[in-house]
Amino acid sequence: LNGNSALHAPLASPVFTGDVNVSTGNLLISTLGKGLQVKSGVNAKVGTAVLAAGTVTVANTSITANSRVFITSNTDGGTPGWLRVSAKTVGTSFVIISSSNTDTSTVAWFIVESL
């Protein structure tokens, strides 16, 4: 150890109950194998939905005019097609459709709010 080094006890994981603002830099996940974890459930920002005849309406009161919904097939079903969000109803739901009307895939979605 040199004169500038210090030993520190490991810190417990902090718990925040409000917004955390990173205003002068980036949020970094710098340990390999670690990542972002988002709780799923009713009105969450991440989840899955199952297409029926190539469409599904996802009820979610957290959807806003600034929401960006990212989607991908999680488990293919029927005849998979190209996916897109065709509509958002603020505070209510969003609609995912496939280019295939026989698509019965399970679709994973993730909502990010733009500023």
PDB file of N, CA and C in Angstrom:
ATOM      1  N   LEU A   1       0.841  -1.184   0.000  1.00  0.00           N
ATOM      2  CA  LEU A   1       0.000   0.000   0.000  1.00  0.00           C
ATOM      3  C   LEU A   1       0.877   1.234   0.000  1.00  0.00           C
ATOM      4  N   ASN A   2       0.489   2.203  -0.812  1.00  0.00           N
ATOM      5  CA  ASN A   2       1.235   3.460  -0.762  1.00  0.00           C
ATOM      6  C   ASN A   2       0.533   4.429   0.177  1.00  0.00           C
ATOM      7  N   GLY A   3       1.080   5.595   0.358  1.00  0.00           N
ATOM      8  CA  GLY A   3       0.541   6.560   1.301  1.00  0.00           C
ATOM      9  C   GLY A   3      -0.826   7.097   0.921  1.00  0.00           C
ATOM     10  N   ASN A   4      -1.261   6.935  -0.318  1.00  0.00           N
ATOM     11  CA  ASN A   4      -2.557   7.450  -0.759  1.00  0.00           C
ATOM     12  C   ASN A   4      -3.666   6.414  -0.707  1.00  0.00           C
ATOM     13  N   SER A   5      -3.346   5.198  -0.380  1.00  0.00           N
ATOM     14  CA  SER A   5      -4.344   4.140  -0.386  1.00  0.00           C
ATOM     15  C   SER A   5      -5.033   4.060   0.962  1.00  0.00           C
ATOM     16  N   ALA A   6      -6.270   3.662   0.929  1.00  0.00           N
ATOM     17  CA  ALA A   6      -7.021   3.480   2.169  1.00  0.00           C
ATOM     18  C   ALA A   6      -7.844   2.217   2.039  1.00  0.00           C
ATOM     19  N   LEU A   7      -8.025   1.542   3.138  1.00  0.00           N
ATOM     20  CA  LEU A   7      -8.877   0.362   3.142  1.00  0.00           C
ATOM     21  C   LEU A   7     -10.261   0.782   3.615  1.00  0.00           C
ATOM     22  N   HIS A   8     -11.270   0.323   2.930  1.00  0.00           N
ATOM     23  CA  HIS A   8     -12.641   0.669   3.294  1.00  0.00           C
ATOM     24  C   HIS A   8     -13.460  -0.605   3.397  1.00  0.00           C
ATOM     25  N   ALA A   9     -14.348  -0.622   4.369  1.00  0.00           N
ATOM     26  CA  ALA A   9     -15.280  -1.740   4.486  1.00  0.00           C
ATOM     27  C   ALA A   9     -16.267  -1.657   3.327  1.00  0.00           C
ATOM     28  N   PRO A  10     -16.734  -2.779   2.804  1.00  0.00           N
ATOM     29  CA  PRO A  10     -17.719  -2.738   1.722  1.00  0.00           C
ATOM     30  C   PRO A  10     -18.977  -1.992   2.162  1.00  0.00           C
ATOM     31  N   LEU A  11     -19.523  -1.207   1.267  1.00  0.00           N
ATOM     32  CA  LEU A  11     -20.740  -0.463   1.566  1.00  0.00           C
ATOM     33  C   LEU A  11     -21.959  -1.322   1.268  1.00  0.00           C
ATOM     34  N   ALA A  12     -22.986  -1.163   2.070  1.00  0.00           N
ATOM     35  CA  ALA A  12     -24.253  -1.840   1.791  1.00  0.00           C
ATOM     36  C   ALA A  12     -24.889  -1.172   0.573  1.00  0.00           C
ATOM     37  N   SER A  13     -25.694  -1.897  -0.143  1.00  0.00           N
ATOM     38  CA  SER A  13     -26.388  -1.321  -1.294  1.00  0.00           C
ATOM     39  C   SER A  13     -27.337  -0.231  -0.835  1.00  0.00           C
ATOM     40  N   PRO A  14     -27.217   0.967  -1.406  1.00  0.00           N
ATOM     41  CA  PRO A  14     -28.122   2.043  -0.982  1.00  0.00           C
ATOM     42  C   PRO A  14     -29.538   1.793  -1.489  1.00  0.00           C
ATOM     43  N   VAL A  15     -30.501   2.276  -0.742  1.00  0.00           N
ATOM     44  CA  VAL A  15     -31.902   2.174  -1.138  1.00  0.00           C
ATOM     45  C   VAL A  15     -32.448   3.587  -1.238  1.00  0.00           C
ATOM     46  N   PHE A  16     -33.012   3.929  -2.383  1.00  0.00           N
ATOM     47  CA  PHE A  16     -33.577   5.249  -2.608  1.00  0.00           C
ATOM     48  C   PHE A  16     -35.086   5.122  -2.711  1.00  0.00           C
ATOM     49  N   THR A  17     -35.802   6.062  -2.163  1.00  0.00           N
ATOM     50  CA  THR A  17     -37.259   6.006  -2.213  1.00  0.00           C
ATOM     51  C   THR A  17     -37.854   7.032  -3.163  1.00  0.00           C
ATOM     52  N   GLY A  18     -37.043   7.870  -3.761  1.00  0.00           N
ATOM     53  CA  GLY A  18     -37.518   8.875  -4.719  1.00  0.00           C
ATOM     54  C   GLY A  18     -36.687   8.803  -5.985  1.00  0.00           C
ATOM     55  N   ASP A  19     -36.805   9.810  -6.816  1.00  0.00           N
ATOM     56  CA  ASP A  19     -36.016   9.864  -8.044  1.00  0.00           C
ATOM     57  C   ASP A  19     -34.540  10.041  -7.707  1.00  0.00           C
ATOM     58  N   VAL A  20     -33.693   9.474  -8.541  1.00  0.00           N
ATOM     59  CA  VAL A  20     -32.254   9.667  -8.442  1.00  0.00           C
ATOM     60  C   VAL A  20     -31.840  10.370  -9.722  1.00  0.00           C
ATOM     61  N   ASN A  21     -31.278  11.557  -9.602  1.00  0.00           N
ATOM     62  CA  ASN A  21     -30.936  12.365 -10.754  1.00  0.00           C
ATOM     63  C   ASN A  21     -29.437  12.286 -11.012  1.00  0.00           C
ATOM     64  N   VAL A  22     -29.067  11.808 -12.196  1.00  0.00           N
ATOM     65  CA  VAL A  22     -27.675  11.805 -12.626  1.00  0.00           C
ATOM     66  C   VAL A  22     -27.582  12.923 -13.653  1.00  0.00           C
ATOM     67  N   SER A  23     -27.145  14.100 -13.208  1.00  0.00           N
ATOM     68  CA  SER A  23     -27.244  15.270 -14.072  1.00  0.00           C
ATOM     69  C   SER A  23     -25.944  15.681 -14.744  1.00  0.00           C
ATOM     70  N   THR A  24     -24.818  15.214 -14.258  1.00  0.00           N
ATOM     71  CA  THR A  24     -23.563  15.667 -14.847  1.00  0.00           C
ATOM     72  C   THR A  24     -22.732  14.530 -15.438  1.00  0.00           C
ATOM     73  N   GLY A  25     -23.322  13.360 -15.535  1.00  0.00           N
ATOM     74  CA  GLY A  25     -22.582  12.230 -16.071  1.00  0.00           C
ATOM     75  C   GLY A  25     -23.522  11.142 -16.528  1.00  0.00           C
ATOM     76  N   ASN A  26     -23.012   9.951 -16.638  1.00  0.00           N
ATOM     77  CA  ASN A  26     -23.779   8.805 -17.093  1.00  0.00           C
ATOM     78  C   ASN A  26     -24.002   7.837 -15.947  1.00  0.00           C
ATOM     79  N   LEU A  27     -25.053   7.065 -16.051  1.00  0.00           N
ATOM     80  CA  LEU A  27     -25.276   5.971 -15.124  1.00  0.00           C
ATOM     81  C   LEU A  27     -24.493   4.779 -15.668  1.00  0.00           C
ATOM     82  N   LEU A  28     -23.549   4.294 -14.905  1.00  0.00           N
ATOM     83  CA  LEU A  28     -22.662   3.237 -15.379  1.00  0.00           C
ATOM     84  C   LEU A  28     -22.900   1.944 -14.621  1.00  0.00           C
ATOM     85  N   ILE A  29     -22.932   0.848 -15.352  1.00  0.00           N
ATOM     86  CA  ILE A  29     -22.919  -0.489 -14.764  1.00  0.00           C
ATOM     87  C   ILE A  29     -21.589  -1.069 -15.217  1.00  0.00           C
ATOM     88  N   SER A  30     -20.612  -1.016 -14.341  1.00  0.00           N
ATOM     89  CA  SER A  30     -19.235  -1.275 -14.756  1.00  0.00           C
ATOM     90  C   SER A  30     -18.695  -2.642 -14.347  1.00  0.00           C
ATOM     91  N   THR A  31     -19.536  -3.508 -13.826  1.00  0.00           N
ATOM     92  CA  THR A  31     -19.101  -4.849 -13.449  1.00  0.00           C
ATOM     93  C   THR A  31     -19.688  -5.846 -14.435  1.00  0.00           C
ATOM     94  N   LEU A  32     -18.822  -6.632 -15.054  1.00  0.00           N
ATOM     95  CA  LEU A  32     -19.285  -7.642 -16.001  1.00  0.00           C
ATOM     96  C   LEU A  32     -20.295  -8.569 -15.334  1.00  0.00           C
ATOM     97  N   GLY A  33     -21.348  -8.887 -16.047  1.00  0.00           N
ATOM     98  CA  GLY A  33     -22.365  -9.793 -15.524  1.00  0.00           C
ATOM     99  C   GLY A  33     -23.447  -9.098 -14.725  1.00  0.00           C
ATOM    100  N   LYS A  34     -23.277  -7.819 -14.439  1.00  0.00           N
ATOM    101  CA  LYS A  34     -24.288  -7.052 -13.711  1.00  0.00           C
ATOM    102  C   LYS A  34     -25.091  -6.240 -14.717  1.00  0.00           C
ATOM    103  N   GLY A  35     -26.301  -5.840 -14.354  1.00  0.00           N
ATOM    104  CA  GLY A  35     -27.112  -5.091 -15.304  1.00  0.00           C
ATOM    105  C   GLY A  35     -28.267  -4.393 -14.637  1.00  0.00           C
ATOM    106  N   LEU A  36     -29.129  -3.875 -15.446  1.00  0.00           N
ATOM    107  CA  LEU A  36     -30.299  -3.155 -14.990  1.00  0.00           C
ATOM    108  C   LEU A  36     -31.394  -4.154 -14.635  1.00  0.00           C
ATOM    109  N   GLN A  37     -32.000  -3.989 -13.484  1.00  0.00           N
ATOM    110  CA  GLN A  37     -33.105  -4.845 -13.078  1.00  0.00           C
ATOM    111  C   GLN A  37     -34.322  -3.966 -12.852  1.00  0.00           C
ATOM    112  N   VAL A  38     -35.433  -4.307 -13.517  1.00  0.00           N
ATOM    113  CA  VAL A  38     -36.658  -3.526 -13.435  1.00  0.00           C
ATOM    114  C   VAL A  38     -37.782  -4.460 -12.998  1.00  0.00           C
ATOM    115  N   LYS A  39     -38.512  -4.078 -11.972  1.00  0.00           N
ATOM    116  CA  LYS A  39     -39.599  -4.908 -11.461  1.00  0.00           C
ATOM    117  C   LYS A  39     -40.747  -4.948 -12.471  1.00  0.00           C
ATOM    118  N   SER A  40     -41.281  -6.136 -12.692  1.00  0.00           N
ATOM    119  CA  SER A  40     -42.424  -6.286 -13.593  1.00  0.00           C
ATOM    120  C   SER A  40     -43.696  -6.503 -12.778  1.00  0.00           C
ATOM    121  N   GLY A  41     -44.816  -6.302 -13.412  1.00  0.00           N
ATOM    122  CA  GLY A  41     -46.101  -6.467 -12.747  1.00  0.00           C
ATOM    123  C   GLY A  41     -47.114  -5.507 -13.349  1.00  0.00           C
ATOM    124  N   VAL A  42     -48.244  -5.355 -12.697  1.00  0.00           N
ATOM    125  CA  VAL A  42     -49.310  -4.479 -13.179  1.00  0.00           C
ATOM    126  C   VAL A  42     -48.793  -3.045 -13.262  1.00  0.00           C
ATOM    127  N   ASN A  43     -48.979  -2.414 -14.412  1.00  0.00           N
ATOM    128  CA  ASN A  43     -48.579  -1.024 -14.670  1.00  0.00           C
ATOM    129  C   ASN A  43     -47.081  -0.787 -14.523  1.00  0.00           C
ATOM    130  N   ALA A  44     -46.274  -1.808 -14.777  1.00  0.00           N
ATOM    131  CA  ALA A  44     -44.821  -1.707 -14.684  1.00  0.00           C
ATOM    132  C   ALA A  44     -44.244  -1.126 -15.977  1.00  0.00           C
ATOM    133  N   LYS A  45     -42.939  -0.938 -16.003  1.00  0.00           N
ATOM    134  CA  LYS A  45     -42.247  -0.421 -17.184  1.00  0.00           C
ATOM    135  C   LYS A  45     -41.629  -1.541 -18.016  1.00  0.00           C
ATOM    136  N   VAL A  46     -41.811  -2.789 -17.607  1.00  0.00           N
ATOM    137  CA  VAL A  46     -41.293  -3.926 -18.355  1.00  0.00           C
ATOM    138  C   VAL A  46     -42.268  -5.092 -18.193  1.00  0.00           C
ATOM    139  N   GLY A  47     -42.418  -5.891 -19.250  1.00  0.00           N
ATOM    140  CA  GLY A  47     -43.313  -7.032 -19.144  1.00  0.00           C
ATOM    141  C   GLY A  47     -43.384  -7.817 -20.436  1.00  0.00           C
ATOM    142  N   THR A  48     -44.343  -8.727 -20.485  1.00  0.00           N
ATOM    143  CA  THR A  48     -44.599  -9.522 -21.681  1.00  0.00           C
ATOM    144  C   THR A  48     -46.089  -9.522 -21.969  1.00  0.00           C
ATOM    145  N   ALA A  49     -46.422  -9.797 -23.213  1.00  0.00           N
ATOM    146  CA  ALA A  49     -47.812  -9.905 -23.637  1.00  0.00           C
ATOM    147  C   ALA A  49     -47.873 -10.936 -24.749  1.00  0.00           C
ATOM    148  N   VAL A  50     -49.010 -11.602 -24.881  1.00  0.00           N
ATOM    149  CA  VAL A  50     -49.187 -12.644 -25.889  1.00  0.00           C
ATOM    150  C   VAL A  50     -50.094 -12.123 -27.003  1.00  0.00           C
ATOM    151  N   LEU A  51     -49.608 -12.215 -28.232  1.00  0.00           N
ATOM    152  CA  LEU A  51     -50.395 -11.809 -29.388  1.00  0.00           C
ATOM    153  C   LEU A  51     -51.486 -12.827 -29.672  1.00  0.00           C
ATOM    154  N   ALA A  52     -52.647 -12.335 -30.079  1.00  0.00           N
ATOM    155  CA  ALA A  52     -53.735 -13.179 -30.573  1.00  0.00           C
ATOM    156  C   ALA A  52     -54.102 -12.612 -31.935  1.00  0.00           C
ATOM    157  N   ALA A  53     -54.004 -13.447 -32.966  1.00  0.00           N
ATOM    158  CA  ALA A  53     -54.264 -12.991 -34.334  1.00  0.00           C
ATOM    159  C   ALA A  53     -53.410 -11.768 -34.670  1.00  0.00           C
ATOM    160  N   GLY A  54     -52.183 -11.749 -34.157  1.00  0.00           N
ATOM    161  CA  GLY A  54     -51.228 -10.708 -34.520  1.00  0.00           C
ATOM    162  C   GLY A  54     -51.381  -9.385 -33.790  1.00  0.00           C
ATOM    163  N   THR A  55     -52.146  -9.333 -32.704  1.00  0.00           N
ATOM    164  CA  THR A  55     -52.309  -8.071 -31.985  1.00  0.00           C
ATOM    165  C   THR A  55     -52.543  -8.308 -30.495  1.00  0.00           C
ATOM    166  N   VAL A  56     -52.193  -7.306 -29.708  1.00  0.00           N
ATOM    167  CA  VAL A  56     -52.493  -7.332 -28.281  1.00  0.00           C
ATOM    168  C   VAL A  56     -52.550  -5.891 -27.770  1.00  0.00           C
ATOM    169  N   THR A  57     -53.515  -5.626 -26.929  1.00  0.00           N
ATOM    170  CA  THR A  57     -53.590  -4.348 -26.231  1.00  0.00           C
ATOM    171  C   THR A  57     -53.072  -4.582 -24.819  1.00  0.00           C
ATOM    172  N   VAL A  58     -52.033  -3.831 -24.443  1.00  0.00           N
ATOM    173  CA  VAL A  58     -51.417  -3.971 -23.130  1.00  0.00           C
ATOM    174  C   VAL A  58     -51.958  -2.863 -22.235  1.00  0.00           C
ATOM    175  N   ALA A  59     -52.767  -3.222 -21.250  1.00  0.00           N
ATOM    176  CA  ALA A  59     -53.286  -2.255 -20.291  1.00  0.00           C
ATOM    177  C   ALA A  59     -52.137  -1.814 -19.393  1.00  0.00           C
ATOM    178  N   ASN A  60     -51.885  -0.496 -19.327  1.00  0.00           N
ATOM    179  CA  ASN A  60     -50.785   0.002 -18.515  1.00  0.00           C
ATOM    180  C   ASN A  60     -50.991   1.493 -18.265  1.00  0.00           C
ATOM    181  N   THR A  61     -51.314   1.854 -17.028  1.00  0.00           N
ATOM    182  CA  THR A  61     -51.590   3.255 -16.709  1.00  0.00           C
ATOM    183  C   THR A  61     -50.327   4.104 -16.650  1.00  0.00           C
ATOM    184  N   SER A  62     -49.141   3.492 -16.740  1.00  0.00           N
ATOM    185  CA  SER A  62     -47.906   4.273 -16.699  1.00  0.00           C
ATOM    186  C   SER A  62     -47.497   4.821 -18.064  1.00  0.00           C
ATOM    187  N   ILE A  63     -48.229   4.476 -19.119  1.00  0.00           N
ATOM    188  CA  ILE A  63     -47.875   4.952 -20.461  1.00  0.00           C
ATOM    189  C   ILE A  63     -48.165   6.452 -20.568  1.00  0.00           C
ATOM    190  N   THR A  64     -47.209   7.199 -21.114  1.00  0.00           N
ATOM    191  CA  THR A  64     -47.351   8.649 -21.251  1.00  0.00           C
ATOM    192  C   THR A  64     -47.125   9.059 -22.702  1.00  0.00           C
ATOM    193  N   ALA A  65     -47.329  10.331 -22.978  1.00  0.00           N
ATOM    194  CA  ALA A  65     -47.052  10.851 -24.314  1.00  0.00           C
ATOM    195  C   ALA A  65     -45.561  10.776 -24.633  1.00  0.00           C
ATOM    196  N   ASN A  66     -44.711  10.774 -23.595  1.00  0.00           N
ATOM    197  CA  ASN A  66     -43.260  10.717 -23.788  1.00  0.00           C
ATOM    198  C   ASN A  66     -42.693   9.302 -23.712  1.00  0.00           C
ATOM    199  N   SER A  67     -43.553   8.305 -23.570  1.00  0.00           N
ATOM    200  CA  SER A  67     -43.090   6.917 -23.467  1.00  0.00           C
ATOM    201  C   SER A  67     -42.543   6.420 -24.799  1.00  0.00           C
ATOM    202  N   ARG A  68     -41.431   5.739 -24.724  1.00  0.00           N
ATOM    203  CA  ARG A  68     -40.875   5.010 -25.870  1.00  0.00           C
ATOM    204  C   ARG A  68     -40.973   3.540 -25.506  1.00  0.00           C
ATOM    205  N   VAL A  69     -41.688   2.768 -26.325  1.00  0.00           N
ATOM    206  CA  VAL A  69     -41.922   1.359 -26.028  1.00  0.00           C
ATOM    207  C   VAL A  69     -41.046   0.513 -26.951  1.00  0.00           C
ATOM    208  N   PHE A  70     -40.141  -0.237 -26.359  1.00  0.00           N
ATOM    209  CA  PHE A  70     -39.260  -1.126 -27.108  1.00  0.00           C
ATOM    210  C   PHE A  70     -39.844  -2.533 -27.025  1.00  0.00           C
ATOM    211  N   ILE A  71     -39.935  -3.222 -28.160  1.00  0.00           N
ATOM    212  CA  ILE A  71     -40.559  -4.546 -28.197  1.00  0.00           C
ATOM    213  C   ILE A  71     -39.692  -5.536 -28.974  1.00  0.00           C
ATOM    214  N   THR A  72     -39.804  -6.805 -28.583  1.00  0.00           N
ATOM    215  CA  THR A  72     -39.135  -7.877 -29.298  1.00  0.00           C
ATOM    216  C   THR A  72     -39.880  -9.172 -29.023  1.00  0.00           C
ATOM    217  N   SER A  73     -39.783 -10.108 -29.935  1.00  0.00           N
ATOM    218  CA  SER A  73     -40.394 -11.410 -29.691  1.00  0.00           C
ATOM    219  C   SER A  73     -39.600 -12.127 -28.612  1.00  0.00           C
ATOM    220  N   ASN A  74     -40.294 -12.614 -27.605  1.00  0.00           N
ATOM    221  CA  ASN A  74     -39.663 -13.347 -26.516  1.00  0.00           C
ATOM    222  C   ASN A  74     -39.724 -14.852 -26.790  1.00  0.00           C
ATOM    223  N   THR A  75     -40.878 -15.309 -27.274  1.00  0.00           N
ATOM    224  CA  THR A  75     -41.073 -16.703 -27.669  1.00  0.00           C
ATOM    225  C   THR A  75     -41.953 -16.695 -28.907  1.00  0.00           C
ATOM    226  N   ASP A  76     -41.420 -17.172 -30.022  1.00  0.00           N
ATOM    227  CA  ASP A  76     -42.192 -17.177 -31.265  1.00  0.00           C
ATOM    228  C   ASP A  76     -43.375 -18.130 -31.180  1.00  0.00           C
ATOM    229  N   GLY A  77     -44.475 -17.705 -31.826  1.00  0.00           N
ATOM    230  CA  GLY A  77     -45.664 -18.537 -31.915  1.00  0.00           C
ATOM    231  C   GLY A  77     -46.388 -18.253 -33.214  1.00  0.00           C
ATOM    232  N   GLY A  78     -47.089 -19.259 -33.750  1.00  0.00           N
ATOM    233  CA  GLY A  78     -47.784 -19.077 -35.027  1.00  0.00           C
ATOM    234  C   GLY A  78     -46.783 -18.746 -36.113  1.00  0.00           C
ATOM    235  N   THR A  79     -47.147 -17.784 -36.955  1.00  0.00           N
ATOM    236  CA  THR A  79     -46.233 -17.298 -37.984  1.00  0.00           C
ATOM    237  C   THR A  79     -45.765 -15.911 -37.568  1.00  0.00           C
ATOM    238  N   PRO A  80     -44.557 -15.805 -36.997  1.00  0.00           N
ATOM    239  CA  PRO A  80     -44.084 -14.507 -36.530  1.00  0.00           C
ATOM    240  C   PRO A  80     -43.945 -13.498 -37.665  1.00  0.00           C
ATOM    241  N   GLY A  81     -44.197 -12.242 -37.345  1.00  0.00           N
ATOM    242  CA  GLY A  81     -44.039 -11.161 -38.306  1.00  0.00           C
ATOM    243  C   GLY A  81     -43.241 -10.029 -37.690  1.00  0.00           C
ATOM    244  N   TRP A  82     -43.191  -8.896 -38.382  1.00  0.00           N
ATOM    245  CA  TRP A  82     -42.541  -7.696 -37.862  1.00  0.00           C
ATOM    246  C   TRP A  82     -43.447  -7.066 -36.820  1.00  0.00           C
ATOM    247  N   LEU A  83     -42.871  -6.635 -35.707  1.00  0.00           N
ATOM    248  CA  LEU A  83     -43.653  -6.060 -34.610  1.00  0.00           C
ATOM    249  C   LEU A  83     -43.523  -4.545 -34.590  1.00  0.00           C
ATOM    250  N   ARG A  84     -44.619  -3.877 -34.159  1.00  0.00           N
ATOM    251  CA  ARG A  84     -44.560  -2.438 -33.932  1.00  0.00           C
ATOM    252  C   ARG A  84     -45.634  -2.047 -32.939  1.00  0.00           C
ATOM    253  N   VAL A  85     -45.433  -0.889 -32.312  1.00  0.00           N
ATOM    254  CA  VAL A  85     -46.469  -0.304 -31.461  1.00  0.00           C
ATOM    255  C   VAL A  85     -47.316   0.559 -32.369  1.00  0.00           C
ATOM    256  N   SER A  86     -48.596   0.233 -32.471  1.00  0.00           N
ATOM    257  CA  SER A  86     -49.462   0.945 -33.413  1.00  0.00           C
ATOM    258  C   SER A  86     -50.233   2.082 -32.771  1.00  0.00           C
ATOM    259  N   ALA A  87     -50.353   2.074 -31.437  1.00  0.00           N
ATOM    260  CA  ALA A  87     -51.109   3.129 -30.761  1.00  0.00           C
ATOM    261  C   ALA A  87     -50.719   3.190 -29.295  1.00  0.00           C
ATOM    262  N   LYS A  88     -50.802   4.393 -28.737  1.00  0.00           N
ATOM    263  CA  LYS A  88     -50.649   4.601 -27.289  1.00  0.00           C
ATOM    264  C   LYS A  88     -51.825   5.450 -26.841  1.00  0.00           C
ATOM    265  N   THR A  89     -52.463   5.049 -25.755  1.00  0.00           N
ATOM    266  CA  THR A  89     -53.505   5.845 -25.127  1.00  0.00           C
ATOM    267  C   THR A  89     -52.973   6.229 -23.749  1.00  0.00           C
ATOM    268  N   VAL A  90     -52.618   7.508 -23.594  1.00  0.00           N
ATOM    269  CA  VAL A  90     -51.978   7.985 -22.375  1.00  0.00           C
ATOM    270  C   VAL A  90     -52.788   7.600 -21.137  1.00  0.00           C
ATOM    271  N   GLY A  91     -52.093   7.014 -20.176  1.00  0.00           N
ATOM    272  CA  GLY A  91     -52.708   6.628 -18.918  1.00  0.00           C
ATOM    273  C   GLY A  91     -53.578   5.394 -18.981  1.00  0.00           C
ATOM    274  N   THR A  92     -53.588   4.716 -20.135  1.00  0.00           N
ATOM    275  CA  THR A  92     -54.490   3.569 -20.298  1.00  0.00           C
ATOM    276  C   THR A  92     -53.803   2.328 -20.849  1.00  0.00           C
ATOM    277  N   SER A  93     -53.214   2.427 -22.065  1.00  0.00           N
ATOM    278  CA  SER A  93     -52.724   1.222 -22.735  1.00  0.00           C
ATOM    279  C   SER A  93     -51.871   1.562 -23.948  1.00  0.00           C
ATOM    280  N   PHE A  94     -51.278   0.517 -24.520  1.00  0.00           N
ATOM    281  CA  PHE A  94     -50.634   0.617 -25.828  1.00  0.00           C
ATOM    282  C   PHE A  94     -50.929  -0.662 -26.598  1.00  0.00           C
ATOM    283  N   VAL A  95     -50.863  -0.574 -27.922  1.00  0.00           N
ATOM    284  CA  VAL A  95     -51.218  -1.694 -28.788  1.00  0.00           C
ATOM    285  C   VAL A  95     -49.980  -2.148 -29.558  1.00  0.00           C
ATOM    286  N   ILE A  96     -49.723  -3.455 -29.514  1.00  0.00           N
ATOM    287  CA  ILE A  96     -48.646  -4.066 -30.286  1.00  0.00           C
ATOM    288  C   ILE A  96     -49.280  -4.869 -31.402  1.00  0.00           C
ATOM    289  N   ILE A  97     -48.796  -4.673 -32.630  1.00  0.00           N
ATOM    290  CA  ILE A  97     -49.302  -5.466 -33.748  1.00  0.00           C
ATOM    291  C   ILE A  97     -48.141  -6.104 -34.501  1.00  0.00           C
ATOM    292  N   SER A  98     -48.455  -7.186 -35.170  1.00  0.00           N
ATOM    293  CA  SER A  98     -47.511  -7.912 -36.006  1.00  0.00           C
ATOM    294  C   SER A  98     -47.942  -7.774 -37.456  1.00  0.00           C
ATOM    295  N   SER A  99     -46.992  -7.893 -38.353  1.00  0.00           N
ATOM    296  CA  SER A  99     -47.318  -7.889 -39.772  1.00  0.00           C
ATOM    297  C   SER A  99     -47.995  -9.192 -40.191  1.00  0.00           C
ATOM    298  N   SER A 100     -48.014 -10.177 -39.294  1.00  0.00           N
ATOM    299  CA  SER A 100     -48.653 -11.462 -39.561  1.00  0.00           C
ATOM    300  C   SER A 100     -49.902 -11.609 -38.694  1.00  0.00           C
ATOM    301  N   ASN A 101     -51.061 -11.813 -39.334  1.00  0.00           N
ATOM    302  CA  ASN A 101     -52.289 -11.966 -38.546  1.00  0.00           C
ATOM    303  C   ASN A 101     -52.439 -13.362 -37.938  1.00  0.00           C
ATOM    304  N   THR A 102     -51.428 -14.209 -38.127  1.00  0.00           N
ATOM    305  CA  THR A 102     -51.422 -15.516 -37.453  1.00  0.00           C
ATOM    306  C   THR A 102     -50.299 -15.588 -36.413  1.00  0.00           C
ATOM    307  N   ASP A 103     -49.744 -14.435 -36.052  1.00  0.00           N
ATOM    308  CA  ASP A 103     -48.682 -14.360 -35.047  1.00  0.00           C
ATOM    309  C   ASP A 103     -49.295 -14.518 -33.652  1.00  0.00           C
ATOM    310  N   THR A 104     -48.824 -15.520 -32.903  1.00  0.00           N
ATOM    311  CA  THR A 104     -49.270 -15.748 -31.527  1.00  0.00           C
ATOM    312  C   THR A 104     -48.082 -15.726 -30.558  1.00  0.00           C
ATOM    313  N   SER A 105     -47.064 -14.971 -30.927  1.00  0.00           N
ATOM    314  CA  SER A 105     -45.835 -14.898 -30.145  1.00  0.00           C
ATOM    315  C   SER A 105     -46.055 -14.222 -28.789  1.00  0.00           C
ATOM    316  N   THR A 106     -45.177 -14.540 -27.852  1.00  0.00           N
ATOM    317  CA  THR A 106     -45.083 -13.790 -26.605  1.00  0.00           C
ATOM    318  C   THR A 106     -44.076 -12.682 -26.855  1.00  0.00           C
ATOM    319  N   VAL A 107     -44.513 -11.452 -26.616  1.00  0.00           N
ATOM    320  CA  VAL A 107     -43.699 -10.267 -26.911  1.00  0.00           C
ATOM    321  C   VAL A 107     -43.217  -9.656 -25.597  1.00  0.00           C
ATOM    322  N   ALA A 108     -41.926  -9.350 -25.539  1.00  0.00           N
ATOM    323  CA  ALA A 108     -41.368  -8.633 -24.389  1.00  0.00           C
ATOM    324  C   ALA A 108     -41.378  -7.156 -24.716  1.00  0.00           C
ATOM    325  N   TRP A 109     -41.745  -6.317 -23.729  1.00  0.00           N
ATOM    326  CA  TRP A 109     -41.775  -4.866 -23.944  1.00  0.00           C
ATOM    327  C   TRP A 109     -41.097  -4.155 -22.785  1.00  0.00           C
ATOM    328  N   PHE A 110     -40.563  -2.964 -23.096  1.00  0.00           N
ATOM    329  CA  PHE A 110     -39.836  -2.154 -22.119  1.00  0.00           C
ATOM    330  C   PHE A 110     -40.164  -0.689 -22.400  1.00  0.00           C
ATOM    331  N   ILE A 111     -40.644   0.018 -21.401  1.00  0.00           N
ATOM    332  CA  ILE A 111     -41.043   1.420 -21.565  1.00  0.00           C
ATOM    333  C   ILE A 111     -39.972   2.316 -20.934  1.00  0.00           C
ATOM    334  N   VAL A 112     -39.497   3.280 -21.723  1.00  0.00           N
ATOM    335  CA  VAL A 112     -38.553   4.287 -21.248  1.00  0.00           C
ATOM    336  C   VAL A 112     -39.196   5.651 -21.455  1.00  0.00           C
ATOM    337  N   GLU A 113     -39.058   6.534 -20.476  1.00  0.00           N
ATOM    338  CA  GLU A 113     -39.613   7.882 -20.592  1.00  0.00           C
ATOM    339  C   GLU A 113     -38.544   8.836 -21.118  1.00  0.00           C
ATOM    340  N   SER A 114     -38.869   9.556 -22.198  1.00  0.00           N
ATOM    341  CA  SER A 114     -37.941  10.553 -22.721  1.00  0.00           C
ATOM    342  C   SER A 114     -38.194  11.875 -22.016  1.00  0.00           C
ATOM    343  N   LEU A 115     -37.155  12.682 -21.906  1.00  0.00           N
ATOM    344  CA  LEU A 115     -37.278  13.988 -21.264  1.00  0.00           C
ATOM    345  C   LEU A 115     -37.469  15.073 -22.301  1.00  0.00           C
TER     346      LEU A 115
END
